[in-house]
Amino acid sequence: MLELTETWYLVLASLIFTIGAVGLLVRRNPLVMFMCVELMLNATTLTFVTFSKALNDVGGQASVFFVLVVAAAEVVVGLGIIVAILRRQDNADADDLSLMRG
């Protein structure tokens, strides 16, 4: 039977982070870019939890709590901005942030 060690979790986190980083650099749709940033945050939290378990320390899990709080605040503000942009222009891309000026 295959034993899941910390290495497997770190490899998974690096793959998820790489997918998010490539998606952020390649895509121009603000909603897709936002989802890629969330993927990168989730990969970071997986790394924190992995090292927390490996070192028998609760500090990594406490850091995950704060990262998730920041991510929730980012979702509220980010989705509000993205919806405002997409309401003004149907096929908006990342360069259309200047539309938000009054």
PDB file of N, CA and C in Angstrom:
ATOM      1  N   MET A   1       0.834  -1.181   0.000  1.00  0.00           N
ATOM      2  CA  MET A   1       0.000   0.000   0.000  1.00  0.00           C
ATOM      3  C   MET A   1       0.879   1.245   0.000  1.00  0.00           C
ATOM      4  N   LEU A   2       0.424   2.252  -0.712  1.00  0.00           N
ATOM      5  CA  LEU A   2       1.181   3.495  -0.853  1.00  0.00           C
ATOM      6  C   LEU A   2       0.991   4.372   0.383  1.00  0.00           C
ATOM      7  N   GLU A   3       2.102   4.780   0.963  1.00  0.00           N
ATOM      8  CA  GLU A   3       2.042   5.643   2.136  1.00  0.00           C
ATOM      9  C   GLU A   3       2.203   7.096   1.703  1.00  0.00           C
ATOM     10  N   LEU A   4       1.284   7.937   2.140  1.00  0.00           N
ATOM     11  CA  LEU A   4       1.348   9.352   1.786  1.00  0.00           C
ATOM     12  C   LEU A   4       2.232  10.080   2.786  1.00  0.00           C
ATOM     13  N   THR A   5       3.395  10.473   2.330  1.00  0.00           N
ATOM     14  CA  THR A   5       4.324  11.200   3.185  1.00  0.00           C
ATOM     15  C   THR A   5       4.205  12.697   2.901  1.00  0.00           C
ATOM     16  N   GLU A   6       5.004  13.472   3.617  1.00  0.00           N
ATOM     17  CA  GLU A   6       4.982  14.919   3.422  1.00  0.00           C
ATOM     18  C   GLU A   6       5.423  15.305   2.015  1.00  0.00           C
ATOM     19  N   THR A   7       6.267  14.490   1.424  1.00  0.00           N
ATOM     20  CA  THR A   7       6.755  14.794   0.078  1.00  0.00           C
ATOM     21  C   THR A   7       5.614  14.817  -0.929  1.00  0.00           C
ATOM     22  N   TRP A   8       4.688  13.886  -0.799  1.00  0.00           N
ATOM     23  CA  TRP A   8       3.553  13.855  -1.722  1.00  0.00           C
ATOM     24  C   TRP A   8       2.730  15.129  -1.619  1.00  0.00           C
ATOM     25  N   TYR A   9       2.504  15.581  -0.392  1.00  0.00           N
ATOM     26  CA  TYR A   9       1.715  16.797  -0.200  1.00  0.00           C
ATOM     27  C   TYR A   9       2.449  18.029  -0.729  1.00  0.00           C
ATOM     28  N   LEU A  10       3.762  18.069  -0.557  1.00  0.00           N
ATOM     29  CA  LEU A  10       4.529  19.198  -1.074  1.00  0.00           C
ATOM     30  C   LEU A  10       4.571  19.205  -2.595  1.00  0.00           C
ATOM     31  N   VAL A  11       4.649  18.029  -3.206  1.00  0.00           N
ATOM     32  CA  VAL A  11       4.608  17.946  -4.668  1.00  0.00           C
ATOM     33  C   VAL A  11       3.245  18.395  -5.177  1.00  0.00           C
ATOM     34  N   LEU A  12       2.182  17.960  -4.506  1.00  0.00           N
ATOM     35  CA  LEU A  12       0.838  18.389  -4.888  1.00  0.00           C
ATOM     36  C   LEU A  12       0.684  19.899  -4.756  1.00  0.00           C
ATOM     37  N   ALA A  13       1.190  20.463  -3.659  1.00  0.00           N
ATOM     38  CA  ALA A  13       1.106  21.907  -3.458  1.00  0.00           C
ATOM     39  C   ALA A  13       1.885  22.665  -4.530  1.00  0.00           C
ATOM     40  N   SER A  14       3.049  22.135  -4.907  1.00  0.00           N
ATOM     41  CA  SER A  14       3.827  22.817  -5.949  1.00  0.00           C
ATOM     42  C   SER A  14       3.137  22.726  -7.309  1.00  0.00           C
ATOM     43  N   LEU A  15       2.485  21.606  -7.587  1.00  0.00           N
ATOM     44  CA  LEU A  15       1.733  21.492  -8.840  1.00  0.00           C
ATOM     45  C   LEU A  15       0.552  22.450  -8.871  1.00  0.00           C
ATOM     46  N   ILE A  16      -0.177  22.540  -7.765  1.00  0.00           N
ATOM     47  CA  ILE A  16      -1.315  23.461  -7.702  1.00  0.00           C
ATOM     48  C   ILE A  16      -0.838  24.905  -7.831  1.00  0.00           C
ATOM     49  N   PHE A  17       0.256  25.237  -7.165  1.00  0.00           N
ATOM     50  CA  PHE A  17       0.791  26.596  -7.255  1.00  0.00           C
ATOM     51  C   PHE A  17       1.256  26.906  -8.673  1.00  0.00           C
ATOM     52  N   THR A  18       1.877  25.933  -9.331  1.00  0.00           N
ATOM     53  CA  THR A  18       2.338  26.139 -10.708  1.00  0.00           C
ATOM     54  C   THR A  18       1.164  26.347 -11.652  1.00  0.00           C
ATOM     55  N   ILE A  19       0.110  25.573 -11.491  1.00  0.00           N
ATOM     56  CA  ILE A  19      -1.082  25.747 -12.327  1.00  0.00           C
ATOM     57  C   ILE A  19      -1.659  27.149 -12.124  1.00  0.00           C
ATOM     58  N   GLY A  20      -1.724  27.594 -10.877  1.00  0.00           N
ATOM     59  CA  GLY A  20      -2.232  28.927 -10.596  1.00  0.00           C
ATOM     60  C   GLY A  20      -1.348  30.019 -11.167  1.00  0.00           C
ATOM     61  N   ALA A  21      -0.040  29.872 -11.047  1.00  0.00           N
ATOM     62  CA  ALA A  21       0.879  30.896 -11.558  1.00  0.00           C
ATOM     63  C   ALA A  21       0.836  30.972 -13.081  1.00  0.00           C
ATOM     64  N   VAL A  22       0.817  29.821 -13.737  1.00  0.00           N
ATOM     65  CA  VAL A  22       0.742  29.816 -15.202  1.00  0.00           C
ATOM     66  C   VAL A  22      -0.597  30.402 -15.667  1.00  0.00           C
ATOM     67  N   GLY A  23      -1.671  30.036 -14.997  1.00  0.00           N
ATOM     68  CA  GLY A  23      -2.974  30.592 -15.350  1.00  0.00           C
ATOM     69  C   GLY A  23      -3.035  32.082 -15.147  1.00  0.00           C
ATOM     70  N   LEU A  24      -2.396  32.579 -14.101  1.00  0.00           N
ATOM     71  CA  LEU A  24      -2.377  34.014 -13.848  1.00  0.00           C
ATOM     72  C   LEU A  24      -1.584  34.759 -14.918  1.00  0.00           C
ATOM     73  N   LEU A  25      -0.508  34.156 -15.383  1.00  0.00           N
ATOM     74  CA  LEU A  25       0.322  34.816 -16.395  1.00  0.00           C
ATOM     75  C   LEU A  25      -0.261  34.708 -17.803  1.00  0.00           C
ATOM     76  N   VAL A  26      -1.005  33.651 -18.081  1.00  0.00           N
ATOM     77  CA  VAL A  26      -1.478  33.405 -19.443  1.00  0.00           C
ATOM     78  C   VAL A  26      -2.852  34.022 -19.698  1.00  0.00           C
ATOM     79  N   ARG A  27      -3.749  33.901 -18.756  1.00  0.00           N
ATOM     80  CA  ARG A  27      -5.127  34.338 -18.969  1.00  0.00           C
ATOM     81  C   ARG A  27      -5.272  35.831 -18.765  1.00  0.00           C
ATOM     82  N   ARG A  28      -6.239  36.435 -19.486  1.00  0.00           N
ATOM     83  CA  ARG A  28      -6.494  37.867 -19.371  1.00  0.00           C
ATOM     84  C   ARG A  28      -7.856  38.163 -18.764  1.00  0.00           C
ATOM     85  N   ASN A  29      -8.694  37.159 -18.595  1.00  0.00           N
ATOM     86  CA  ASN A  29     -10.009  37.352 -18.007  1.00  0.00           C
ATOM     87  C   ASN A  29      -9.846  37.575 -16.501  1.00  0.00           C
ATOM     88  N   PRO A  30     -10.408  38.653 -15.958  1.00  0.00           N
ATOM     89  CA  PRO A  30     -10.207  38.936 -14.529  1.00  0.00           C
ATOM     90  C   PRO A  30     -10.756  37.848 -13.610  1.00  0.00           C
ATOM     91  N   LEU A  31     -11.853  37.217 -13.989  1.00  0.00           N
ATOM     92  CA  LEU A  31     -12.416  36.171 -13.142  1.00  0.00           C
ATOM     93  C   LEU A  31     -11.512  34.938 -13.099  1.00  0.00           C
ATOM     94  N   VAL A  32     -10.946  34.568 -14.231  1.00  0.00           N
ATOM     95  CA  VAL A  32     -10.023  33.428 -14.278  1.00  0.00           C
ATOM     96  C   VAL A  32      -8.736  33.758 -13.524  1.00  0.00           C
ATOM     97  N   MET A  33      -8.267  34.991 -13.657  1.00  0.00           N
ATOM     98  CA  MET A  33      -7.077  35.404 -12.920  1.00  0.00           C
ATOM     99  C   MET A  33      -7.325  35.347 -11.410  1.00  0.00           C
ATOM    100  N   PHE A  34      -8.520  35.733 -11.008  1.00  0.00           N
ATOM    101  CA  PHE A  34      -8.892  35.697  -9.601  1.00  0.00           C
ATOM    102  C   PHE A  34      -8.901  34.255  -9.085  1.00  0.00           C
ATOM    103  N   MET A  35      -9.435  33.333  -9.880  1.00  0.00           N
ATOM    104  CA  MET A  35      -9.444  31.931  -9.477  1.00  0.00           C
ATOM    105  C   MET A  35      -8.031  31.368  -9.398  1.00  0.00           C
ATOM    106  N   CYS A  36      -7.141  31.827 -10.259  1.00  0.00           N
ATOM    107  CA  CYS A  36      -5.752  31.359 -10.220  1.00  0.00           C
ATOM    108  C   CYS A  36      -5.043  31.848  -8.955  1.00  0.00           C
ATOM    109  N   VAL A  37      -5.342  33.073  -8.523  1.00  0.00           N
ATOM    110  CA  VAL A  37      -4.771  33.567  -7.273  1.00  0.00           C
ATOM    111  C   VAL A  37      -5.277  32.730  -6.104  1.00  0.00           C
ATOM    112  N   GLU A  38      -6.550  32.351  -6.145  1.00  0.00           N
ATOM    113  CA  GLU A  38      -7.094  31.494  -5.086  1.00  0.00           C
ATOM    114  C   GLU A  38      -6.425  30.121  -5.085  1.00  0.00           C
ATOM    115  N   LEU A  39      -6.117  29.582  -6.262  1.00  0.00           N
ATOM    116  CA  LEU A  39      -5.377  28.315  -6.330  1.00  0.00           C
ATOM    117  C   LEU A  39      -4.011  28.447  -5.674  1.00  0.00           C
ATOM    118  N   MET A  40      -3.350  29.561  -5.933  1.00  0.00           N
ATOM    119  CA  MET A  40      -2.033  29.772  -5.352  1.00  0.00           C
ATOM    120  C   MET A  40      -2.121  29.894  -3.828  1.00  0.00           C
ATOM    121  N   LEU A  41      -3.153  30.553  -3.316  1.00  0.00           N
ATOM    122  CA  LEU A  41      -3.332  30.647  -1.870  1.00  0.00           C
ATOM    123  C   LEU A  41      -3.609  29.276  -1.257  1.00  0.00           C
ATOM    124  N   ASN A  42      -4.405  28.459  -1.932  1.00  0.00           N
ATOM    125  CA  ASN A  42      -4.681  27.114  -1.418  1.00  0.00           C
ATOM    126  C   ASN A  42      -3.430  26.245  -1.408  1.00  0.00           C
ATOM    127  N   ALA A  43      -2.580  26.395  -2.416  1.00  0.00           N
ATOM    128  CA  ALA A  43      -1.323  25.638  -2.425  1.00  0.00           C
ATOM    129  C   ALA A  43      -0.434  26.068  -1.267  1.00  0.00           C
ATOM    130  N   THR A  44      -0.441  27.345  -0.965  1.00  0.00           N
ATOM    131  CA  THR A  44       0.357  27.838   0.160  1.00  0.00           C
ATOM    132  C   THR A  44      -0.161  27.293   1.481  1.00  0.00           C
ATOM    133  N   THR A  45      -1.474  27.254   1.640  1.00  0.00           N
ATOM    134  CA  THR A  45      -2.027  26.725   2.886  1.00  0.00           C
ATOM    135  C   THR A  45      -1.749  25.230   3.030  1.00  0.00           C
ATOM    136  N   LEU A  46      -1.767  24.510   1.917  1.00  0.00           N
ATOM    137  CA  LEU A  46      -1.426  23.086   1.977  1.00  0.00           C
ATOM    138  C   LEU A  46       0.024  22.901   2.420  1.00  0.00           C
ATOM    139  N   THR A  47       0.910  23.763   1.973  1.00  0.00           N
ATOM    140  CA  THR A  47       2.307  23.700   2.397  1.00  0.00           C
ATOM    141  C   THR A  47       2.442  24.001   3.883  1.00  0.00           C
ATOM    142  N   PHE A  48       1.711  25.030   4.358  1.00  0.00           N
ATOM    143  CA  PHE A  48       1.754  25.355   5.787  1.00  0.00           C
ATOM    144  C   PHE A  48       1.288  24.181   6.637  1.00  0.00           C
ATOM    145  N   VAL A  49       0.197  23.548   6.233  1.00  0.00           N
ATOM    146  CA  VAL A  49      -0.333  22.424   7.009  1.00  0.00           C
ATOM    147  C   VAL A  49       0.628  21.237   6.975  1.00  0.00           C
ATOM    148  N   THR A  50       1.248  21.002   5.829  1.00  0.00           N
ATOM    149  CA  THR A  50       2.202  19.894   5.711  1.00  0.00           C
ATOM    150  C   THR A  50       3.390  20.084   6.645  1.00  0.00           C
ATOM    151  N   PHE A  51       3.968  21.280   6.635  1.00  0.00           N
ATOM    152  CA  PHE A  51       5.112  21.524   7.519  1.00  0.00           C
ATOM    153  C   PHE A  51       4.683  21.553   8.986  1.00  0.00           C
ATOM    154  N   SER A  52       3.476  22.005   9.249  1.00  0.00           N
ATOM    155  CA  SER A  52       2.977  21.994  10.614  1.00  0.00           C
ATOM    156  C   SER A  52       2.857  20.568  11.141  1.00  0.00           C
ATOM    157  N   LYS A  53       2.365  19.674  10.305  1.00  0.00           N
ATOM    158  CA  LYS A  53       2.242  18.268  10.710  1.00  0.00           C
ATOM    159  C   LYS A  53       3.618  17.616  10.842  1.00  0.00           C
ATOM    160  N   ALA A  54       4.522  17.938   9.924  1.00  0.00           N
ATOM    161  CA  ALA A  54       5.849  17.325   9.959  1.00  0.00           C
ATOM    162  C   ALA A  54       6.651  17.769  11.181  1.00  0.00           C
ATOM    163  N   LEU A  55       6.469  19.015  11.596  1.00  0.00           N
ATOM    164  CA  LEU A  55       7.244  19.546  12.712  1.00  0.00           C
ATOM    165  C   LEU A  55       6.506  19.478  14.042  1.00  0.00           C
ATOM    166  N   ASN A  56       5.287  18.934  14.038  1.00  0.00           N
ATOM    167  CA  ASN A  56       4.454  18.875  15.250  1.00  0.00           C
ATOM    168  C   ASN A  56       4.311  20.239  15.905  1.00  0.00           C
ATOM    169  N   ASP A  57       3.983  21.232  15.088  1.00  0.00           N
ATOM    170  CA  ASP A  57       3.831  22.600  15.563  1.00  0.00           C
ATOM    171  C   ASP A  57       2.488  23.134  15.089  1.00  0.00           C
ATOM    172  N   VAL A  58       1.822  23.879  15.930  1.00  0.00           N
ATOM    173  CA  VAL A  58       0.510  24.408  15.580  1.00  0.00           C
ATOM    174  C   VAL A  58       0.632  25.740  14.846  1.00  0.00           C
ATOM    175  N   GLY A  59       1.821  26.296  14.763  1.00  0.00           N
ATOM    176  CA  GLY A  59       2.024  27.596  14.133  1.00  0.00           C
ATOM    177  C   GLY A  59       1.616  27.622  12.671  1.00  0.00           C
ATOM    178  N   GLY A  60       1.878  26.558  11.955  1.00  0.00           N
ATOM    179  CA  GLY A  60       1.490  26.495  10.547  1.00  0.00           C
ATOM    180  C   GLY A  60      -0.015  26.475  10.377  1.00  0.00           C
ATOM    181  N   GLN A  61      -0.696  25.772  11.242  1.00  0.00           N
ATOM    182  CA  GLN A  61      -2.152  25.715  11.161  1.00  0.00           C
ATOM    183  C   GLN A  61      -2.771  27.043  11.562  1.00  0.00           C
ATOM    184  N   ALA A  62      -2.161  27.756  12.486  1.00  0.00           N
ATOM    185  CA  ALA A  62      -2.636  29.089  12.846  1.00  0.00           C
ATOM    186  C   ALA A  62      -2.430  30.053  11.677  1.00  0.00           C
ATOM    187  N   SER A  63      -1.318  29.896  10.966  1.00  0.00           N
ATOM    188  CA  SER A  63      -1.074  30.732   9.781  1.00  0.00           C
ATOM    189  C   SER A  63      -2.112  30.466   8.703  1.00  0.00           C
ATOM    190  N   VAL A  64      -2.525  29.213   8.568  1.00  0.00           N
ATOM    191  CA  VAL A  64      -3.556  28.865   7.590  1.00  0.00           C
ATOM    192  C   VAL A  64      -4.850  29.571   7.923  1.00  0.00           C
ATOM    193  N   PHE A  65      -5.178  29.657   9.202  1.00  0.00           N
ATOM    194  CA  PHE A  65      -6.384  30.366   9.608  1.00  0.00           C
ATOM    195  C   PHE A  65      -6.345  31.821   9.142  1.00  0.00           C
ATOM    196  N   PHE A  66      -5.219  32.493   9.333  1.00  0.00           N
ATOM    197  CA  PHE A  66      -5.107  33.896   8.917  1.00  0.00           C
ATOM    198  C   PHE A  66      -5.096  34.037   7.402  1.00  0.00           C
ATOM    199  N   VAL A  67      -4.482  33.096   6.695  1.00  0.00           N
ATOM    200  CA  VAL A  67      -4.499  33.133   5.230  1.00  0.00           C
ATOM    201  C   VAL A  67      -5.922  32.978   4.711  1.00  0.00           C
ATOM    202  N   LEU A  68      -6.709  32.097   5.329  1.00  0.00           N
ATOM    203  CA  LEU A  68      -8.092  31.909   4.901  1.00  0.00           C
ATOM    204  C   LEU A  68      -8.943  33.135   5.203  1.00  0.00           C
ATOM    205  N   VAL A  69      -8.670  33.835   6.297  1.00  0.00           N
ATOM    206  CA  VAL A  69      -9.398  35.075   6.597  1.00  0.00           C
ATOM    207  C   VAL A  69      -9.074  36.137   5.560  1.00  0.00           C
ATOM    208  N   VAL A  70      -7.817  36.264   5.197  1.00  0.00           N
ATOM    209  CA  VAL A  70      -7.424  37.230   4.170  1.00  0.00           C
ATOM    210  C   VAL A  70      -8.020  36.843   2.822  1.00  0.00           C
ATOM    211  N   ALA A  71      -8.047  35.558   2.518  1.00  0.00           N
ATOM    212  CA  ALA A  71      -8.624  35.099   1.250  1.00  0.00           C
ATOM    213  C   ALA A  71     -10.123  35.401   1.193  1.00  0.00           C
ATOM    214  N   ALA A  72     -10.816  35.259   2.316  1.00  0.00           N
ATOM    215  CA  ALA A  72     -12.244  35.574   2.334  1.00  0.00           C
ATOM    216  C   ALA A  72     -12.481  37.057   2.109  1.00  0.00           C
ATOM    217  N   ALA A  73     -11.663  37.892   2.713  1.00  0.00           N
ATOM    218  CA  ALA A  73     -11.784  39.336   2.478  1.00  0.00           C
ATOM    219  C   ALA A  73     -11.448  39.683   1.030  1.00  0.00           C
ATOM    220  N   GLU A  74     -10.469  38.987   0.471  1.00  0.00           N
ATOM    221  CA  GLU A  74     -10.101  39.208  -0.924  1.00  0.00           C
ATOM    222  C   GLU A  74     -11.247  38.821  -1.855  1.00  0.00           C
ATOM    223  N   VAL A  75     -11.951  37.763  -1.535  1.00  0.00           N
ATOM    224  CA  VAL A  75     -13.077  37.332  -2.352  1.00  0.00           C
ATOM    225  C   VAL A  75     -14.162  38.399  -2.356  1.00  0.00           C
ATOM    226  N   VAL A  76     -14.454  38.970  -1.208  1.00  0.00           N
ATOM    227  CA  VAL A  76     -15.500  39.993  -1.130  1.00  0.00           C
ATOM    228  C   VAL A  76     -15.134  41.210  -1.963  1.00  0.00           C
ATOM    229  N   VAL A  77     -13.943  41.737  -1.778  1.00  0.00           N
ATOM    230  CA  VAL A  77     -13.528  42.936  -2.498  1.00  0.00           C
ATOM    231  C   VAL A  77     -13.263  42.631  -3.968  1.00  0.00           C
ATOM    232  N   GLY A  78     -12.557  41.548  -4.232  1.00  0.00           N
ATOM    233  CA  GLY A  78     -12.195  41.208  -5.611  1.00  0.00           C
ATOM    234  C   GLY A  78     -13.392  40.905  -6.484  1.00  0.00           C
ATOM    235  N   LEU A  79     -14.321  40.124  -5.973  1.00  0.00           N
ATOM    236  CA  LEU A  79     -15.506  39.811  -6.776  1.00  0.00           C
ATOM    237  C   LEU A  79     -16.357  41.045  -7.018  1.00  0.00           C
ATOM    238  N   GLY A  80     -16.411  41.962  -6.051  1.00  0.00           N
ATOM    239  CA  GLY A  80     -17.138  43.215  -6.260  1.00  0.00           C
ATOM    240  C   GLY A  80     -16.540  44.025  -7.395  1.00  0.00           C
ATOM    241  N   ILE A  81     -15.230  44.114  -7.430  1.00  0.00           N
ATOM    242  CA  ILE A  81     -14.561  44.859  -8.502  1.00  0.00           C
ATOM    243  C   ILE A  81     -14.747  44.158  -9.836  1.00  0.00           C
ATOM    244  N   ILE A  82     -14.602  42.846  -9.868  1.00  0.00           N
ATOM    245  CA  ILE A  82     -14.738  42.096 -11.118  1.00  0.00           C
ATOM    246  C   ILE A  82     -16.154  42.196 -11.664  1.00  0.00           C
ATOM    247  N   VAL A  83     -17.156  42.092 -10.802  1.00  0.00           N
ATOM    248  CA  VAL A  83     -18.543  42.205 -11.260  1.00  0.00           C
ATOM    249  C   VAL A  83     -18.810  43.603 -11.791  1.00  0.00           C
ATOM    250  N   ALA A  84     -18.259  44.627 -11.138  1.00  0.00           N
ATOM    251  CA  ALA A  84     -18.441  46.000 -11.619  1.00  0.00           C
ATOM    252  C   ALA A  84     -17.807  46.191 -12.995  1.00  0.00           C
ATOM    253  N   ILE A  85     -16.664  45.584 -13.209  1.00  0.00           N
ATOM    254  CA  ILE A  85     -16.009  45.700 -14.524  1.00  0.00           C
ATOM    255  C   ILE A  85     -16.804  44.941 -15.578  1.00  0.00           C
ATOM    256  N   LEU A  86     -17.223  43.732 -15.257  1.00  0.00           N
ATOM    257  CA  LEU A  86     -17.922  42.911 -16.245  1.00  0.00           C
ATOM    258  C   LEU A  86     -19.322  43.444 -16.558  1.00  0.00           C
ATOM    259  N   ARG A  87     -19.915  44.229 -15.671  1.00  0.00           N
ATOM    260  CA  ARG A  87     -21.212  44.842 -15.977  1.00  0.00           C
ATOM    261  C   ARG A  87     -21.073  45.965 -16.986  1.00  0.00           C
ATOM    262  N   ARG A  88     -19.954  46.650 -16.945  1.00  0.00           N
ATOM    263  CA  ARG A  88     -19.744  47.741 -17.908  1.00  0.00           C
ATOM    264  C   ARG A  88     -19.351  47.229 -19.286  1.00  0.00           C
ATOM    265  N   GLN A  89     -18.611  46.147 -19.314  1.00  0.00           N
ATOM    266  CA  GLN A  89     -18.104  45.625 -20.584  1.00  0.00           C
ATOM    267  C   GLN A  89     -18.129  44.101 -20.516  1.00  0.00           C
ATOM    268  N   ASP A  90     -18.801  43.473 -21.485  1.00  0.00           N
ATOM    269  CA  ASP A  90     -18.985  42.017 -21.442  1.00  0.00           C
ATOM    270  C   ASP A  90     -17.677  41.244 -21.574  1.00  0.00           C
ATOM    271  N   ASN A  91     -16.837  41.629 -22.484  1.00  0.00           N
ATOM    272  CA  ASN A  91     -15.599  40.888 -22.734  1.00  0.00           C
ATOM    273  C   ASN A  91     -14.404  41.655 -22.177  1.00  0.00           C
ATOM    274  N   ALA A  92     -14.444  41.934 -20.894  1.00  0.00           N
ATOM    275  CA  ALA A  92     -13.378  42.698 -20.243  1.00  0.00           C
ATOM    276  C   ALA A  92     -12.152  41.828 -20.041  1.00  0.00           C
ATOM    277  N   ASP A  93     -10.992  42.470 -20.069  1.00  0.00           N
ATOM    278  CA  ASP A  93      -9.761  41.772 -19.735  1.00  0.00           C
ATOM    279  C   ASP A  93      -9.029  42.549 -18.649  1.00  0.00           C
ATOM    280  N   ALA A  94      -7.845  42.115 -18.309  1.00  0.00           N
ATOM    281  CA  ALA A  94      -7.130  42.695 -17.176  1.00  0.00           C
ATOM    282  C   ALA A  94      -6.722  44.139 -17.422  1.00  0.00           C
ATOM    283  N   ASP A  95      -6.631  44.559 -18.659  1.00  0.00           N
ATOM    284  CA  ASP A  95      -6.234  45.934 -18.955  1.00  0.00           C
ATOM    285  C   ASP A  95      -7.386  46.922 -18.804  1.00  0.00           C
ATOM    286  N   ASP A  96      -8.593  46.449 -18.539  1.00  0.00           N
ATOM    287  CA  ASP A  96      -9.745  47.332 -18.449  1.00  0.00           C
ATOM    288  C   ASP A  96      -9.978  47.859 -17.037  1.00  0.00           C
ATOM    289  N   LEU A  97      -8.999  47.805 -16.181  1.00  0.00           N
ATOM    290  CA  LEU A  97      -9.176  48.353 -14.839  1.00  0.00           C
ATOM    291  C   LEU A  97      -9.309  49.861 -14.851  1.00  0.00           C
ATOM    292  N   SER A  98      -8.877  50.497 -15.919  1.00  0.00           N
ATOM    293  CA  SER A  98      -9.036  51.941 -16.015  1.00  0.00           C
ATOM    294  C   SER A  98     -10.500  52.344 -16.154  1.00  0.00           C
ATOM    295  N   LEU A  99     -11.393  51.400 -16.436  1.00  0.00           N
ATOM    296  CA  LEU A  99     -12.831  51.683 -16.491  1.00  0.00           C
ATOM    297  C   LEU A  99     -13.379  52.070 -15.128  1.00  0.00           C
ATOM    298  N   MET A 100     -12.690  51.698 -14.065  1.00  0.00           N
ATOM    299  CA  MET A 100     -13.185  51.959 -12.727  1.00  0.00           C
ATOM    300  C   MET A 100     -12.993  53.418 -12.315  1.00  0.00           C
ATOM    301  N   ARG A 101     -12.238  54.195 -13.091  1.00  0.00           N
ATOM    302  CA  ARG A 101     -12.068  55.610 -12.767  1.00  0.00           C
ATOM    303  C   ARG A 101     -13.361  56.358 -13.030  1.00  0.00           C
ATOM    304  N   GLY A 102     -13.638  57.339 -12.212  1.00  0.00           N
ATOM    305  CA  GLY A 102     -14.900  58.061 -12.303  1.00  0.00           C
ATOM    306  C   GLY A 102     -15.004  59.029 -13.380  1.00  0.00           C
TER     307      GLY A 102
END
